[in-house]
mmCIF file of all heavy atoms, coordinates in Angstrom:
data_MODEL
# 
_entry.id   MODEL 
# 
loop_
_atom_site.group_PDB 
_atom_site.id 
_atom_site.type_symbol 
_atom_site.label_atom_id 
_atom_site.label_alt_id 
_atom_site.label_comp_id 
_atom_site.label_asym_id 
_atom_site.label_entity_id 
_atom_site.label_seq_id 
_atom_site.pdbx_PDB_ins_code 
_atom_site.Cartn_x 
_atom_site.Cartn_y 
_atom_site.Cartn_z 
_atom_site.occupancy 
_atom_site.B_iso_or_equiv 
_atom_site.pdbx_formal_charge 
_atom_site.auth_seq_id 
_atom_site.auth_comp_id 
_atom_site.auth_asym_id 
_atom_site.auth_atom_id 
_atom_site.pdbx_PDB_model_num 
ATOM 1   N N   . THR A 1 1  ? 119.261 90.995  98.029  1.00 0.00 ? 1  THR A N   1 
ATOM 2   C CA  . THR A 1 1  ? 118.374 89.833  98.543  1.00 0.00 ? 1  THR A CA  1 
ATOM 3   C C   . THR A 1 1  ? 118.564 89.820  99.999  1.00 0.00 ? 1  THR A C   1 
ATOM 4   O O   . THR A 1 1  ? 117.590 89.693  100.704 1.00 0.00 ? 1  THR A O   1 
ATOM 5   C CB  . THR A 1 1  ? 118.726 88.683  97.735  1.00 0.00 ? 1  THR A CB  1 
ATOM 6   O OG1 . THR A 1 1  ? 118.439 88.919  96.334  1.00 0.00 ? 1  THR A OG1 1 
ATOM 7   C CG2 . THR A 1 1  ? 117.891 87.552  98.264  1.00 0.00 ? 1  THR A CG2 1 
ATOM 8   N N   . VAL A 1 2  ? 119.828 89.636  100.477 1.00 0.00 ? 2  VAL A N   1 
ATOM 9   C CA  . VAL A 1 2  ? 120.089 89.364  101.900 1.00 0.00 ? 2  VAL A CA  1 
ATOM 10  C C   . VAL A 1 2  ? 119.468 90.577  102.641 1.00 0.00 ? 2  VAL A C   1 
ATOM 11  O O   . VAL A 1 2  ? 118.773 90.356  103.705 1.00 0.00 ? 2  VAL A O   1 
ATOM 12  C CB  . VAL A 1 2  ? 121.525 89.201  102.122 1.00 0.00 ? 2  VAL A CB  1 
ATOM 13  C CG1 . VAL A 1 2  ? 121.835 89.194  103.639 1.00 0.00 ? 2  VAL A CG1 1 
ATOM 14  C CG2 . VAL A 1 2  ? 122.054 87.985  101.494 1.00 0.00 ? 2  VAL A CG2 1 
ATOM 15  N N   . ALA A 1 3  ? 119.854 91.787  102.250 1.00 0.00 ? 3  ALA A N   1 
ATOM 16  C CA  . ALA A 1 3  ? 119.355 93.012  103.002 1.00 0.00 ? 3  ALA A CA  1 
ATOM 17  C C   . ALA A 1 3  ? 117.877 93.156  102.944 1.00 0.00 ? 3  ALA A C   1 
ATOM 18  O O   . ALA A 1 3  ? 117.244 93.372  103.904 1.00 0.00 ? 3  ALA A O   1 
ATOM 19  C CB  . ALA A 1 3  ? 120.032 94.226  102.513 1.00 0.00 ? 3  ALA A CB  1 
ATOM 20  N N   . GLY A 1 4  ? 117.274 92.918  101.704 1.00 0.00 ? 4  GLY A N   1 
ATOM 21  C CA  . GLY A 1 4  ? 115.804 93.164  101.539 1.00 0.00 ? 4  GLY A CA  1 
ATOM 22  C C   . GLY A 1 4  ? 114.942 92.092  102.361 1.00 0.00 ? 4  GLY A C   1 
ATOM 23  O O   . GLY A 1 4  ? 113.978 92.526  102.938 1.00 0.00 ? 4  GLY A O   1 
ATOM 24  N N   . VAL A 1 5  ? 115.515 90.888  102.280 1.00 0.00 ? 5  VAL A N   1 
ATOM 25  C CA  . VAL A 1 5  ? 114.664 89.857  103.029 1.00 0.00 ? 5  VAL A CA  1 
ATOM 26  C C   . VAL A 1 5  ? 114.757 90.074  104.431 1.00 0.00 ? 5  VAL A C   1 
ATOM 27  O O   . VAL A 1 5  ? 113.769 89.948  105.262 1.00 0.00 ? 5  VAL A O   1 
ATOM 28  C CB  . VAL A 1 5  ? 115.154 88.469  102.600 1.00 0.00 ? 5  VAL A CB  1 
ATOM 29  C CG1 . VAL A 1 5  ? 114.550 87.416  103.526 1.00 0.00 ? 5  VAL A CG1 1 
ATOM 30  C CG2 . VAL A 1 5  ? 114.901 88.123  101.141 1.00 0.00 ? 5  VAL A CG2 1 
ATOM 31  N N   . THR A 1 6  ? 115.978 90.340  104.906 1.00 0.00 ? 6  THR A N   1 
ATOM 32  C CA  . THR A 1 6  ? 116.108 90.630  106.442 1.00 0.00 ? 6  THR A CA  1 
ATOM 33  C C   . THR A 1 6  ? 115.222 91.867  106.844 1.00 0.00 ? 6  THR A C   1 
ATOM 34  O O   . THR A 1 6  ? 114.545 91.744  107.753 1.00 0.00 ? 6  THR A O   1 
ATOM 35  C CB  . THR A 1 6  ? 117.618 91.001  106.617 1.00 0.00 ? 6  THR A CB  1 
ATOM 36  O OG1 . THR A 1 6  ? 118.462 89.910  106.270 1.00 0.00 ? 6  THR A OG1 1 
ATOM 37  C CG2 . THR A 1 6  ? 117.718 91.209  108.138 1.00 0.00 ? 6  THR A CG2 1 
ATOM 38  N N   . VAL A 1 7  ? 115.217 92.931  106.044 1.00 0.00 ? 7  VAL A N   1 
ATOM 39  C CA  . VAL A 1 7  ? 114.542 94.170  106.448 1.00 0.00 ? 7  VAL A CA  1 
ATOM 40  C C   . VAL A 1 7  ? 113.011 93.836  106.318 1.00 0.00 ? 7  VAL A C   1 
ATOM 41  O O   . VAL A 1 7  ? 112.203 94.170  107.269 1.00 0.00 ? 7  VAL A O   1 
ATOM 42  C CB  . VAL A 1 7  ? 114.929 95.370  105.630 1.00 0.00 ? 7  VAL A CB  1 
ATOM 43  C CG1 . VAL A 1 7  ? 113.947 96.529  105.873 1.00 0.00 ? 7  VAL A CG1 1 
ATOM 44  C CG2 . VAL A 1 7  ? 116.321 95.752  106.006 1.00 0.00 ? 7  VAL A CG2 1 
ATOM 45  N N   . GLY A 1 8  ? 112.595 93.154  105.237 1.00 0.00 ? 8  GLY A N   1 
ATOM 46  C CA  . GLY A 1 8  ? 111.173 92.837  105.028 1.00 0.00 ? 8  GLY A CA  1 
ATOM 47  C C   . GLY A 1 8  ? 110.525 92.097  106.131 1.00 0.00 ? 8  GLY A C   1 
ATOM 48  O O   . GLY A 1 8  ? 109.507 92.356  106.565 1.00 0.00 ? 8  GLY A O   1 
ATOM 49  N N   . LEU A 1 9  ? 111.312 90.981  106.414 1.00 0.00 ? 9  LEU A N   1 
ATOM 50  C CA  . LEU A 1 9  ? 110.745 90.143  107.462 1.00 0.00 ? 9  LEU A CA  1 
ATOM 51  C C   . LEU A 1 9  ? 110.800 90.819  108.818 1.00 0.00 ? 9  LEU A C   1 
ATOM 52  O O   . LEU A 1 9  ? 109.895 90.642  109.644 1.00 0.00 ? 9  LEU A O   1 
ATOM 53  C CB  . LEU A 1 9  ? 111.658 88.819  107.586 1.00 0.00 ? 9  LEU A CB  1 
ATOM 54  C CG  . LEU A 1 9  ? 111.514 87.921  106.222 1.00 0.00 ? 9  LEU A CG  1 
ATOM 55  C CD1 . LEU A 1 9  ? 112.424 86.677  106.481 1.00 0.00 ? 9  LEU A CD1 1 
ATOM 56  C CD2 . LEU A 1 9  ? 110.124 87.516  105.952 1.00 0.00 ? 9  LEU A CD2 1 
ATOM 57  N N   . SER A 1 10 ? 111.854 91.543  109.104 1.00 0.00 ? 10 SER A N   1 
ATOM 58  C CA  . SER A 1 10 ? 111.999 92.291  110.418 1.00 0.00 ? 10 SER A CA  1 
ATOM 59  C C   . SER A 1 10 ? 110.855 93.288  110.513 1.00 0.00 ? 10 SER A C   1 
ATOM 60  O O   . SER A 1 10 ? 110.308 93.503  111.726 1.00 0.00 ? 10 SER A O   1 
ATOM 61  C CB  . SER A 1 10 ? 113.368 92.970  110.529 1.00 0.00 ? 10 SER A CB  1 
ATOM 62  O OG  . SER A 1 10 ? 114.370 91.976  110.479 1.00 0.00 ? 10 SER A OG  1 
ATOM 63  N N   . MET A 1 11 ? 110.458 93.957  109.455 1.00 0.00 ? 11 MET A N   1 
ATOM 64  C CA  . MET A 1 11 ? 109.445 94.862  109.553 1.00 0.00 ? 11 MET A CA  1 
ATOM 65  C C   . MET A 1 11 ? 108.044 94.286  109.857 1.00 0.00 ? 11 MET A C   1 
ATOM 66  O O   . MET A 1 11 ? 107.179 94.973  110.572 1.00 0.00 ? 11 MET A O   1 
ATOM 67  C CB  . MET A 1 11 ? 109.204 95.492  108.039 1.00 0.00 ? 11 MET A CB  1 
ATOM 68  C CG  . MET A 1 11 ? 110.239 96.500  107.797 1.00 0.00 ? 11 MET A CG  1 
ATOM 69  S SD  . MET A 1 11 ? 110.035 97.120  106.060 1.00 0.00 ? 11 MET A SD  1 
ATOM 70  C CE  . MET A 1 11 ? 108.526 98.008  106.042 1.00 0.00 ? 11 MET A CE  1 
ATOM 71  N N   . SER A 1 12 ? 107.950 92.912  109.630 1.00 0.00 ? 12 SER A N   1 
ATOM 72  C CA  . SER A 1 12 ? 106.591 92.236  109.900 1.00 0.00 ? 12 SER A CA  1 
ATOM 73  C C   . SER A 1 12 ? 106.494 91.912  111.353 1.00 0.00 ? 12 SER A C   1 
ATOM 74  O O   . SER A 1 12 ? 105.324 91.696  111.868 1.00 0.00 ? 12 SER A O   1 
ATOM 75  C CB  . SER A 1 12 ? 106.502 91.014  109.078 1.00 0.00 ? 12 SER A CB  1 
ATOM 76  O OG  . SER A 1 12 ? 107.456 89.960  109.505 1.00 0.00 ? 12 SER A OG  1 
ATOM 77  N N   . ILE A 1 13 ? 107.644 91.812  112.106 1.00 0.00 ? 13 ILE A N   1 
ATOM 78  C CA  . ILE A 1 13 ? 107.620 91.365  113.410 1.00 0.00 ? 13 ILE A CA  1 
ATOM 79  C C   . ILE A 1 13 ? 108.073 92.375  114.528 1.00 0.00 ? 13 ILE A C   1 
ATOM 80  O O   . ILE A 1 13 ? 107.779 92.288  115.686 1.00 0.00 ? 13 ILE A O   1 
ATOM 81  C CB  . ILE A 1 13 ? 108.327 90.064  113.701 1.00 0.00 ? 13 ILE A CB  1 
ATOM 82  C CG1 . ILE A 1 13 ? 109.873 90.256  113.349 1.00 0.00 ? 13 ILE A CG1 1 
ATOM 83  C CG2 . ILE A 1 13 ? 107.737 88.887  112.925 1.00 0.00 ? 13 ILE A CG2 1 
ATOM 84  C CD1 . ILE A 1 13 ? 110.593 88.992  113.620 1.00 0.00 ? 13 ILE A CD1 1 
ATOM 85  N N   . LEU A 1 14 ? 108.846 93.394  114.054 1.00 0.00 ? 14 LEU A N   1 
ATOM 86  C CA  . LEU A 1 14 ? 109.433 94.484  114.846 1.00 0.00 ? 14 LEU A CA  1 
ATOM 87  C C   . LEU A 1 14 ? 108.889 95.731  114.572 1.00 0.00 ? 14 LEU A C   1 
ATOM 88  O O   . LEU A 1 14 ? 109.202 96.331  113.452 1.00 0.00 ? 14 LEU A O   1 
ATOM 89  C CB  . LEU A 1 14 ? 110.926 94.438  114.738 1.00 0.00 ? 14 LEU A CB  1 
ATOM 90  C CG  . LEU A 1 14 ? 111.647 93.164  115.199 1.00 0.00 ? 14 LEU A CG  1 
ATOM 91  C CD1 . LEU A 1 14 ? 113.108 93.236  114.958 1.00 0.00 ? 14 LEU A CD1 1 
ATOM 92  C CD2 . LEU A 1 14 ? 111.432 92.903  116.667 1.00 0.00 ? 14 LEU A CD2 1 
ATOM 93  N N   . PRO A 1 15 ? 107.950 96.402  115.412 1.00 0.00 ? 15 PRO A N   1 
ATOM 94  C CA  . PRO A 1 15 ? 107.384 97.697  115.150 1.00 0.00 ? 15 PRO A CA  1 
ATOM 95  C C   . PRO A 1 15 ? 108.444 98.776  114.921 1.00 0.00 ? 15 PRO A C   1 
ATOM 96  O O   . PRO A 1 15 ? 108.226 99.707  114.045 1.00 0.00 ? 15 PRO A O   1 
ATOM 97  C CB  . PRO A 1 15 ? 106.510 97.942  116.302 1.00 0.00 ? 15 PRO A CB  1 
ATOM 98  C CG  . PRO A 1 15 ? 106.311 96.563  116.931 1.00 0.00 ? 15 PRO A CG  1 
ATOM 99  C CD  . PRO A 1 15 ? 107.456 95.824  116.537 1.00 0.00 ? 15 PRO A CD  1 
ATOM 100 N N   . VAL A 1 16 ? 109.491 98.723  115.621 1.00 0.00 ? 16 VAL A N   1 
ATOM 101 C CA  . VAL A 1 16 ? 110.511 99.798  115.536 1.00 0.00 ? 16 VAL A CA  1 
ATOM 102 C C   . VAL A 1 16 ? 111.148 99.723  114.109 1.00 0.00 ? 16 VAL A C   1 
ATOM 103 O O   . VAL A 1 16 ? 111.437 100.795 113.506 1.00 0.00 ? 16 VAL A O   1 
ATOM 104 C CB  . VAL A 1 16 ? 111.605 99.693  116.582 1.00 0.00 ? 16 VAL A CB  1 
ATOM 105 C CG1 . VAL A 1 16 ? 112.374 98.448  116.443 1.00 0.00 ? 16 VAL A CG1 1 
ATOM 106 C CG2 . VAL A 1 16 ? 112.462 100.982 116.573 1.00 0.00 ? 16 VAL A CG2 1 
ATOM 107 N N   . VAL A 1 17 ? 111.382 98.566  113.544 1.00 0.00 ? 17 VAL A N   1 
ATOM 108 C CA  . VAL A 1 17 ? 111.937 98.466  112.193 1.00 0.00 ? 17 VAL A CA  1 
ATOM 109 C C   . VAL A 1 17 ? 110.960 98.939  111.207 1.00 0.00 ? 17 VAL A C   1 
ATOM 110 O O   . VAL A 1 17 ? 111.280 99.625  110.280 1.00 0.00 ? 17 VAL A O   1 
ATOM 111 C CB  . VAL A 1 17 ? 112.342 97.015  111.949 1.00 0.00 ? 17 VAL A CB  1 
ATOM 112 C CG1 . VAL A 1 17 ? 112.902 96.864  110.527 1.00 0.00 ? 17 VAL A CG1 1 
ATOM 113 C CG2 . VAL A 1 17 ? 113.495 96.494  112.964 1.00 0.00 ? 17 VAL A CG2 1 
ATOM 114 N N   . ARG A 1 18 ? 109.754 98.600  111.379 1.00 0.00 ? 18 ARG A N   1 
ATOM 115 C CA  . ARG A 1 18 ? 108.694 99.030  110.384 1.00 0.00 ? 18 ARG A CA  1 
ATOM 116 C C   . ARG A 1 18 ? 108.522 100.567 110.525 1.00 0.00 ? 18 ARG A C   1 
ATOM 117 O O   . ARG A 1 18 ? 108.375 101.165 109.471 1.00 0.00 ? 18 ARG A O   1 
ATOM 118 C CB  . ARG A 1 18 ? 107.277 98.353  110.772 1.00 0.00 ? 18 ARG A CB  1 
ATOM 119 C CG  . ARG A 1 18 ? 106.122 98.754  109.902 1.00 0.00 ? 18 ARG A CG  1 
ATOM 120 C CD  . ARG A 1 18 ? 105.012 97.777  110.039 1.00 0.00 ? 18 ARG A CD  1 
ATOM 121 N NE  . ARG A 1 18 ? 104.467 97.758  111.390 1.00 0.00 ? 18 ARG A NE  1 
ATOM 122 C CZ  . ARG A 1 18 ? 104.618 96.832  112.385 1.00 0.00 ? 18 ARG A CZ  1 
ATOM 123 N NH1 . ARG A 1 18 ? 105.267 95.672  111.872 1.00 0.00 ? 18 ARG A NH1 1 
ATOM 124 N NH2 . ARG A 1 18 ? 104.088 96.880  113.488 1.00 0.00 ? 18 ARG A NH2 1 
ATOM 125 N N   . TRP A 1 19 ? 108.554 101.200 111.755 1.00 0.00 ? 19 TRP A N   1 
ATOM 126 C CA  . TRP A 1 19 ? 108.458 102.643 111.879 1.00 0.00 ? 19 TRP A CA  1 
ATOM 127 C C   . TRP A 1 19 ? 109.590 103.305 111.147 1.00 0.00 ? 19 TRP A C   1 
ATOM 128 O O   . TRP A 1 19 ? 109.356 104.324 110.466 1.00 0.00 ? 19 TRP A O   1 
ATOM 129 C CB  . TRP A 1 19 ? 108.568 102.962 113.393 1.00 0.00 ? 19 TRP A CB  1 
ATOM 130 C CG  . TRP A 1 19 ? 108.709 104.400 113.597 1.00 0.00 ? 19 TRP A CG  1 
ATOM 131 C CD1 . TRP A 1 19 ? 107.886 105.417 113.725 1.00 0.00 ? 19 TRP A CD1 1 
ATOM 132 C CD2 . TRP A 1 19 ? 110.093 104.978 113.954 1.00 0.00 ? 19 TRP A CD2 1 
ATOM 133 N NE1 . TRP A 1 19 ? 108.475 106.608 113.936 1.00 0.00 ? 19 TRP A NE1 1 
ATOM 134 C CE2 . TRP A 1 19 ? 109.831 106.422 114.107 1.00 0.00 ? 19 TRP A CE2 1 
ATOM 135 C CE3 . TRP A 1 19 ? 111.299 104.458 114.085 1.00 0.00 ? 19 TRP A CE3 1 
ATOM 136 C CZ2 . TRP A 1 19 ? 110.825 107.259 114.471 1.00 0.00 ? 19 TRP A CZ2 1 
ATOM 137 C CZ3 . TRP A 1 19 ? 112.374 105.313 114.405 1.00 0.00 ? 19 TRP A CZ3 1 
ATOM 138 C CH2 . TRP A 1 19 ? 112.117 106.760 114.581 1.00 0.00 ? 19 TRP A CH2 1 
ATOM 139 N N   . PHE A 1 20 ? 110.834 102.711 111.198 1.00 0.00 ? 20 PHE A N   1 
ATOM 140 C CA  . PHE A 1 20 ? 111.950 103.395 110.561 1.00 0.00 ? 20 PHE A CA  1 
ATOM 141 C C   . PHE A 1 20 ? 111.918 103.173 109.032 1.00 0.00 ? 20 PHE A C   1 
ATOM 142 O O   . PHE A 1 20 ? 112.121 104.198 108.290 1.00 0.00 ? 20 PHE A O   1 
ATOM 143 C CB  . PHE A 1 20 ? 113.255 102.798 111.122 1.00 0.00 ? 20 PHE A CB  1 
ATOM 144 C CG  . PHE A 1 20 ? 114.534 103.468 110.507 1.00 0.00 ? 20 PHE A CG  1 
ATOM 145 C CD1 . PHE A 1 20 ? 114.908 104.619 110.992 1.00 0.00 ? 20 PHE A CD1 1 
ATOM 146 C CD2 . PHE A 1 20 ? 115.223 102.813 109.488 1.00 0.00 ? 20 PHE A CD2 1 
ATOM 147 C CE1 . PHE A 1 20 ? 116.096 105.239 110.491 1.00 0.00 ? 20 PHE A CE1 1 
ATOM 148 C CE2 . PHE A 1 20 ? 116.328 103.325 108.936 1.00 0.00 ? 20 PHE A CE2 1 
ATOM 149 C CZ  . PHE A 1 20 ? 116.742 104.661 109.485 1.00 0.00 ? 20 PHE A CZ  1 
ATOM 150 N N   . PHE A 1 21 ? 111.672 102.011 108.520 1.00 0.00 ? 21 PHE A N   1 
ATOM 151 C CA  . PHE A 1 21 ? 111.865 101.704 107.096 1.00 0.00 ? 21 PHE A CA  1 
ATOM 152 C C   . PHE A 1 21 ? 110.588 101.982 106.256 1.00 0.00 ? 21 PHE A C   1 
ATOM 153 O O   . PHE A 1 21 ? 110.695 102.272 105.026 1.00 0.00 ? 21 PHE A O   1 
ATOM 154 C CB  . PHE A 1 21 ? 112.293 100.237 106.886 1.00 0.00 ? 21 PHE A CB  1 
ATOM 155 C CG  . PHE A 1 21 ? 113.724 99.995  107.069 1.00 0.00 ? 21 PHE A CG  1 
ATOM 156 C CD1 . PHE A 1 21 ? 114.232 99.469  108.226 1.00 0.00 ? 21 PHE A CD1 1 
ATOM 157 C CD2 . PHE A 1 21 ? 114.598 100.364 106.158 1.00 0.00 ? 21 PHE A CD2 1 
ATOM 158 C CE1 . PHE A 1 21 ? 115.539 99.196  108.456 1.00 0.00 ? 21 PHE A CE1 1 
ATOM 159 C CE2 . PHE A 1 21 ? 115.993 100.061 106.273 1.00 0.00 ? 21 PHE A CE2 1 
ATOM 160 C CZ  . PHE A 1 21 ? 116.411 99.551  107.532 1.00 0.00 ? 21 PHE A CZ  1 
ATOM 161 N N   . ASP A 1 22 ? 109.380 101.986 106.860 1.00 0.00 ? 22 ASP A N   1 
ATOM 162 C CA  . ASP A 1 22 ? 108.295 102.211 106.013 1.00 0.00 ? 22 ASP A CA  1 
ATOM 163 C C   . ASP A 1 22 ? 108.169 103.515 105.241 1.00 0.00 ? 22 ASP A C   1 
ATOM 164 O O   . ASP A 1 22 ? 107.948 103.502 104.009 1.00 0.00 ? 22 ASP A O   1 
ATOM 165 C CB  . ASP A 1 22 ? 106.984 101.939 106.903 1.00 0.00 ? 22 ASP A CB  1 
ATOM 166 C CG  . ASP A 1 22 ? 105.642 101.831 106.090 1.00 0.00 ? 22 ASP A CG  1 
ATOM 167 O OD1 . ASP A 1 22 ? 105.827 101.101 105.071 1.00 0.00 ? 22 ASP A OD1 1 
ATOM 168 O OD2 . ASP A 1 22 ? 104.622 102.391 106.465 1.00 0.00 ? 22 ASP A OD2 1 
ATOM 169 N N   . PRO A 1 23 ? 108.427 104.646 105.909 1.00 0.00 ? 23 PRO A N   1 
ATOM 170 C CA  . PRO A 1 23 ? 108.408 105.889 105.126 1.00 0.00 ? 23 PRO A CA  1 
ATOM 171 C C   . PRO A 1 23 ? 109.609 105.910 104.139 1.00 0.00 ? 23 PRO A C   1 
ATOM 172 O O   . PRO A 1 23 ? 109.371 106.542 103.012 1.00 0.00 ? 23 PRO A O   1 
ATOM 173 C CB  . PRO A 1 23 ? 108.510 106.961 106.221 1.00 0.00 ? 23 PRO A CB  1 
ATOM 174 C CG  . PRO A 1 23 ? 109.064 106.323 107.447 1.00 0.00 ? 23 PRO A CG  1 
ATOM 175 C CD  . PRO A 1 23 ? 108.511 104.876 107.337 1.00 0.00 ? 23 PRO A CD  1 
ATOM 176 N N   . LEU A 1 24 ? 110.710 105.353 104.456 1.00 0.00 ? 24 LEU A N   1 
ATOM 177 C CA  . LEU A 1 24 ? 111.804 105.415 103.473 1.00 0.00 ? 24 LEU A CA  1 
ATOM 178 C C   . LEU A 1 24 ? 111.561 104.567 102.333 1.00 0.00 ? 24 LEU A C   1 
ATOM 179 O O   . LEU A 1 24 ? 111.882 105.073 101.145 1.00 0.00 ? 24 LEU A O   1 
ATOM 180 C CB  . LEU A 1 24 ? 113.209 104.902 104.240 1.00 0.00 ? 24 LEU A CB  1 
ATOM 181 C CG  . LEU A 1 24 ? 113.645 105.650 105.480 1.00 0.00 ? 24 LEU A CG  1 
ATOM 182 C CD1 . LEU A 1 24 ? 114.831 104.878 106.031 1.00 0.00 ? 24 LEU A CD1 1 
ATOM 183 C CD2 . LEU A 1 24 ? 113.921 107.059 105.058 1.00 0.00 ? 24 LEU A CD2 1 
ATOM 184 N N   . ILE A 1 25 ? 110.844 103.413 102.424 1.00 0.00 ? 25 ILE A N   1 
ATOM 185 C CA  . ILE A 1 25 ? 110.625 102.662 101.308 1.00 0.00 ? 25 ILE A CA  1 
ATOM 186 C C   . ILE A 1 25 ? 109.451 103.382 100.544 1.00 0.00 ? 25 ILE A C   1 
ATOM 187 O O   . ILE A 1 25 ? 109.534 103.378 99.247  1.00 0.00 ? 25 ILE A O   1 
ATOM 188 C CB  . ILE A 1 25 ? 110.162 101.206 101.823 1.00 0.00 ? 25 ILE A CB  1 
ATOM 189 C CG1 . ILE A 1 25 ? 111.429 100.489 102.323 1.00 0.00 ? 25 ILE A CG1 1 
ATOM 190 C CG2 . ILE A 1 25 ? 109.526 100.469 100.604 1.00 0.00 ? 25 ILE A CG2 1 
ATOM 191 C CD1 . ILE A 1 25 ? 111.040 99.187  102.971 1.00 0.00 ? 25 ILE A CD1 1 
ATOM 192 N N   . SER A 1 26 ? 108.546 103.940 101.147 1.00 0.00 ? 26 SER A N   1 
ATOM 193 C CA  . SER A 1 26 ? 107.414 104.598 100.488 1.00 0.00 ? 26 SER A CA  1 
ATOM 194 C C   . SER A 1 26 ? 107.955 105.757 99.533  1.00 0.00 ? 26 SER A C   1 
ATOM 195 O O   . SER A 1 26 ? 107.454 106.006 98.487  1.00 0.00 ? 26 SER A O   1 
ATOM 196 C CB  . SER A 1 26 ? 106.449 105.208 101.511 1.00 0.00 ? 26 SER A CB  1 
ATOM 197 O OG  . SER A 1 26 ? 105.865 104.225 102.274 1.00 0.00 ? 26 SER A OG  1 
ATOM 198 N N   . VAL A 1 27 ? 109.001 106.465 100.011 1.00 0.00 ? 27 VAL A N   1 
ATOM 199 C CA  . VAL A 1 27 ? 109.624 107.507 99.297  1.00 0.00 ? 27 VAL A CA  1 
ATOM 200 C C   . VAL A 1 27 ? 110.599 106.963 98.222  1.00 0.00 ? 27 VAL A C   1 
ATOM 201 O O   . VAL A 1 27 ? 110.654 107.469 97.092  1.00 0.00 ? 27 VAL A O   1 
ATOM 202 C CB  . VAL A 1 27 ? 110.308 108.492 100.195 1.00 0.00 ? 27 VAL A CB  1 
ATOM 203 C CG1 . VAL A 1 27 ? 111.126 109.480 99.283  1.00 0.00 ? 27 VAL A CG1 1 
ATOM 204 C CG2 . VAL A 1 27 ? 109.288 109.194 101.065 1.00 0.00 ? 27 VAL A CG2 1 
ATOM 205 N N   . GLY A 1 28 ? 111.368 105.923 98.580  1.00 0.00 ? 28 GLY A N   1 
ATOM 206 C CA  . GLY A 1 28 ? 112.450 105.510 97.747  1.00 0.00 ? 28 GLY A CA  1 
ATOM 207 C C   . GLY A 1 28 ? 111.936 104.498 96.660  1.00 0.00 ? 28 GLY A C   1 
ATOM 208 O O   . GLY A 1 28 ? 112.496 104.524 95.472  1.00 0.00 ? 28 GLY A O   1 
ATOM 209 N N   . PHE A 1 29 ? 110.844 103.756 96.759  1.00 0.00 ? 29 PHE A N   1 
ATOM 210 C CA  . PHE A 1 29 ? 110.331 102.842 95.771  1.00 0.00 ? 29 PHE A CA  1 
ATOM 211 C C   . PHE A 1 29 ? 110.041 103.483 94.483  1.00 0.00 ? 29 PHE A C   1 
ATOM 212 O O   . PHE A 1 29 ? 110.541 103.054 93.340  1.00 0.00 ? 29 PHE A O   1 
ATOM 213 C CB  . PHE A 1 29 ? 109.073 102.090 96.273  1.00 0.00 ? 29 PHE A CB  1 
ATOM 214 C CG  . PHE A 1 29 ? 108.946 100.741 95.636  1.00 0.00 ? 29 PHE A CG  1 
ATOM 215 C CD1 . PHE A 1 29 ? 108.530 99.563  96.303  1.00 0.00 ? 29 PHE A CD1 1 
ATOM 216 C CD2 . PHE A 1 29 ? 109.219 100.556 94.261  1.00 0.00 ? 29 PHE A CD2 1 
ATOM 217 C CE1 . PHE A 1 29 ? 108.345 98.408  95.706  1.00 0.00 ? 29 PHE A CE1 1 
ATOM 218 C CE2 . PHE A 1 29 ? 109.048 99.377  93.584  1.00 0.00 ? 29 PHE A CE2 1 
ATOM 219 C CZ  . PHE A 1 29 ? 108.675 98.308  94.405  1.00 0.00 ? 29 PHE A CZ  1 
# 
């Protein structure tokens, strides 16, 4: 929960975080 909320909210406001995690989540989900 702590990690997911932090990453999810960061993805919405920081393009570099979204660039890094978006493909990983697309593959991992």
